[in-house]
Amino acid sequence: MSVAVLIRLEAKQGREADLIALLDGAKAYAANEEPGCEAYEIARSREDPASFVIFQRYSSDDELERHRHTPHAQQLGPRLQEVLAGPGEVQFLKAVAHLERKKR
């Protein structure tokens, strides 16, 4: 079964667009360079525009570890620190079910 990561981040005031750009770049990298990445979603709070949640799903623990050790992921950390209000909250999860729609 897949493994998942849930990340909560808070952008510095006025740096929300910068955070979105960094996260969107990370999503694009995962989509193009990480075949073990099954899902990568970025969501923004409706109540607090500086609050974001990222959901990632990987096909296995090994694929998650590969992701964590890519040069892209290693370089992203320091860049995120420039735009974040504080440390993020990260949860590692074991997926128990997910919806997969068939393309029509």
C-alpha atoms as a PDB file:
ATOM      1  CA  MET A   1       0.000   0.000   0.000  1.00  0.00           C
ATOM      2  CA  SER A   2       1.100   3.547  -0.649  1.00  0.00           C
ATOM      3  CA  VAL A   3       2.673   5.892   1.869  1.00  0.00           C
ATOM      4  CA  ALA A   4       1.670   9.506   2.233  1.00  0.00           C
ATOM      5  CA  VAL A   5       3.045  12.748   3.604  1.00  0.00           C
ATOM      6  CA  LEU A   6       0.908  15.587   4.932  1.00  0.00           C
ATOM      7  CA  ILE A   7       2.711  18.911   5.339  1.00  0.00           C
ATOM      8  CA  ARG A   8       1.341  22.110   6.869  1.00  0.00           C
ATOM      9  CA  LEU A   9       3.169  25.347   6.047  1.00  0.00           C
ATOM     10  CA  GLU A  10       2.660  29.002   6.947  1.00  0.00           C
ATOM     11  CA  ALA A  11       4.045  31.655   4.580  1.00  0.00           C
ATOM     12  CA  LYS A  12       5.558  34.898   5.805  1.00  0.00           C
ATOM     13  CA  GLN A  13       3.219  37.832   5.262  1.00  0.00           C
ATOM     14  CA  GLY A  14       3.551  38.976   1.655  1.00  0.00           C
ATOM     15  CA  ARG A  15       5.469  35.845   0.594  1.00  0.00           C
ATOM     16  CA  GLU A  16       2.465  33.654  -0.243  1.00  0.00           C
ATOM     17  CA  ALA A  17       3.024  33.897  -4.017  1.00  0.00           C
ATOM     18  CA  ASP A  18       6.693  32.952  -3.556  1.00  0.00           C
ATOM     19  CA  LEU A  19       5.675  29.876  -1.561  1.00  0.00           C
ATOM     20  CA  ILE A  20       3.150  28.868  -4.198  1.00  0.00           C
ATOM     21  CA  ALA A  21       5.816  29.172  -6.914  1.00  0.00           C
ATOM     22  CA  LEU A  22       8.259  26.986  -4.956  1.00  0.00           C
ATOM     23  CA  LEU A  23       5.613  24.354  -4.235  1.00  0.00           C
ATOM     24  CA  ASP A  24       4.382  24.363  -7.821  1.00  0.00           C
ATOM     25  CA  GLY A  25       7.961  23.800  -9.006  1.00  0.00           C
ATOM     26  CA  ALA A  26       8.306  20.890  -6.576  1.00  0.00           C
ATOM     27  CA  LYS A  27       5.049  19.416  -7.870  1.00  0.00           C
ATOM     28  CA  ALA A  28       6.218  19.721 -11.476  1.00  0.00           C
ATOM     29  CA  TYR A  29       9.534  18.055 -10.609  1.00  0.00           C
ATOM     30  CA  ALA A  30       7.723  15.176  -8.897  1.00  0.00           C
ATOM     31  CA  ALA A  31       5.375  14.758 -11.856  1.00  0.00           C
ATOM     32  CA  ASN A  32       8.209  14.637 -14.386  1.00  0.00           C
ATOM     33  CA  GLU A  33      11.104  13.037 -12.501  1.00  0.00           C
ATOM     34  CA  GLU A  34       9.627  10.812  -9.782  1.00  0.00           C
ATOM     35  CA  PRO A  35       7.602   7.899 -11.174  1.00  0.00           C
ATOM     36  CA  GLY A  36       6.922   6.680  -7.614  1.00  0.00           C
ATOM     37  CA  CYS A  37       4.981   9.863  -6.802  1.00  0.00           C
ATOM     38  CA  GLU A  38       1.309   8.974  -7.214  1.00  0.00           C
ATOM     39  CA  ALA A  39      -0.203  12.242  -5.975  1.00  0.00           C
ATOM     40  CA  TYR A  40       1.010  15.740  -5.130  1.00  0.00           C
ATOM     41  CA  GLU A  41      -1.613  18.267  -4.127  1.00  0.00           C
ATOM     42  CA  ILE A  42      -1.230  21.797  -2.827  1.00  0.00           C
ATOM     43  CA  ALA A  43      -4.125  23.451  -1.007  1.00  0.00           C
ATOM     44  CA  ARG A  44      -4.538  26.884   0.540  1.00  0.00           C
ATOM     45  CA  SER A  45      -6.758  27.723   3.486  1.00  0.00           C
ATOM     46  CA  ARG A  46      -9.919  29.642   2.682  1.00  0.00           C
ATOM     47  CA  GLU A  47      -9.748  31.443   6.038  1.00  0.00           C
ATOM     48  CA  ASP A  48      -6.003  32.153   6.213  1.00  0.00           C
ATOM     49  CA  PRO A  49      -4.320  32.832   2.844  1.00  0.00           C
ATOM     50  CA  ALA A  50      -0.874  32.281   4.378  1.00  0.00           C
ATOM     51  CA  SER A  51      -1.711  28.704   5.460  1.00  0.00           C
ATOM     52  CA  PHE A  52      -1.018  25.803   3.073  1.00  0.00           C
ATOM     53  CA  VAL A  53      -1.333  22.025   3.140  1.00  0.00           C
ATOM     54  CA  ILE A  54       0.613  19.713   0.842  1.00  0.00           C
ATOM     55  CA  PHE A  55      -0.410  16.089   0.350  1.00  0.00           C
ATOM     56  CA  GLN A  56       2.005  13.699  -1.331  1.00  0.00           C
ATOM     57  CA  ARG A  57       1.515   9.979  -1.976  1.00  0.00           C
ATOM     58  CA  TYR A  58       4.271   7.579  -2.990  1.00  0.00           C
ATOM     59  CA  SER A  59       4.029   3.985  -4.164  1.00  0.00           C
ATOM     60  CA  SER A  60       6.358   2.716  -1.402  1.00  0.00           C
ATOM     61  CA  ASP A  61       8.635   3.727   1.460  1.00  0.00           C
ATOM     62  CA  ASP A  62      11.578   3.310  -0.916  1.00  0.00           C
ATOM     63  CA  GLU A  63      10.064   5.822  -3.365  1.00  0.00           C
ATOM     64  CA  LEU A  64       9.455   8.297  -0.537  1.00  0.00           C
ATOM     65  CA  GLU A  65      13.089   7.932   0.550  1.00  0.00           C
ATOM     66  CA  ARG A  66      14.234   8.455  -3.053  1.00  0.00           C
ATOM     67  CA  HIS A  67      12.162  11.637  -3.151  1.00  0.00           C
ATOM     68  CA  ARG A  68      13.622  12.914   0.109  1.00  0.00           C
ATOM     69  CA  HIS A  69      17.174  12.451  -1.181  1.00  0.00           C
ATOM     70  CA  THR A  70      16.806  13.985  -4.644  1.00  0.00           C
ATOM     71  CA  PRO A  71      18.942  17.073  -5.257  1.00  0.00           C
ATOM     72  CA  HIS A  72      15.720  18.984  -5.890  1.00  0.00           C
ATOM     73  CA  ALA A  73      14.284  18.137  -2.459  1.00  0.00           C
ATOM     74  CA  GLN A  74      17.608  18.920  -0.774  1.00  0.00           C
ATOM     75  CA  GLN A  75      17.774  22.339  -2.456  1.00  0.00           C
ATOM     76  CA  LEU A  76      14.132  23.137  -1.738  1.00  0.00           C
ATOM     77  CA  GLY A  77      14.536  23.164   2.060  1.00  0.00           C
ATOM     78  CA  PRO A  78      16.728  26.282   2.322  1.00  0.00           C
ATOM     79  CA  ARG A  79      14.618  28.099  -0.267  1.00  0.00           C
ATOM     80  CA  LEU A  80      11.446  27.352   1.697  1.00  0.00           C
ATOM     81  CA  GLN A  81      13.001  28.753   4.874  1.00  0.00           C
ATOM     82  CA  GLU A  82      13.225  32.141   3.162  1.00  0.00           C
ATOM     83  CA  VAL A  83       9.451  32.330   2.673  1.00  0.00           C
ATOM     84  CA  LEU A  84       8.078  30.424   5.681  1.00  0.00           C
ATOM     85  CA  ALA A  85       6.925  32.075   8.904  1.00  0.00           C
ATOM     86  CA  GLY A  86       8.243  29.115  10.914  1.00  0.00           C
ATOM     87  CA  PRO A  87       8.923  25.399  10.754  1.00  0.00           C
ATOM     88  CA  GLY A  88       6.320  23.316   8.996  1.00  0.00           C
ATOM     89  CA  GLU A  89       4.464  20.368  10.445  1.00  0.00           C
ATOM     90  CA  VAL A  90       5.088  17.036   8.705  1.00  0.00           C
ATOM     91  CA  GLN A  91       3.166  13.798   9.187  1.00  0.00           C
ATOM     92  CA  PHE A  92       4.134  10.489   7.591  1.00  0.00           C
ATOM     93  CA  LEU A  93       1.109   8.314   6.928  1.00  0.00           C
ATOM     94  CA  LYS A  94       0.256   4.875   5.611  1.00  0.00           C
ATOM     95  CA  ALA A  95      -2.441   5.094   2.966  1.00  0.00           C
ATOM     96  CA  VAL A  96      -5.388   2.811   3.648  1.00  0.00           C
ATOM     97  CA  ALA A  97      -7.643   3.797   0.745  1.00  0.00           C
ATOM     98  CA  HIS A  98      -7.808   6.313  -2.064  1.00  0.00           C
ATOM     99  CA  LEU A  99     -10.121   7.189  -4.899  1.00  0.00           C
ATOM    100  CA  GLU A 100      -8.885   6.607  -8.401  1.00  0.00           C
ATOM    101  CA  ARG A 101     -11.188   7.719 -11.153  1.00  0.00           C
ATOM    102  CA  LYS A 102     -11.017   6.114 -14.538  1.00  0.00           C
ATOM    103  CA  LYS A 103     -10.343   8.536 -17.350  1.00  0.00           C
ATOM    104  CA  ARG A 104     -13.181   8.847 -19.821  1.00  0.00           C
END
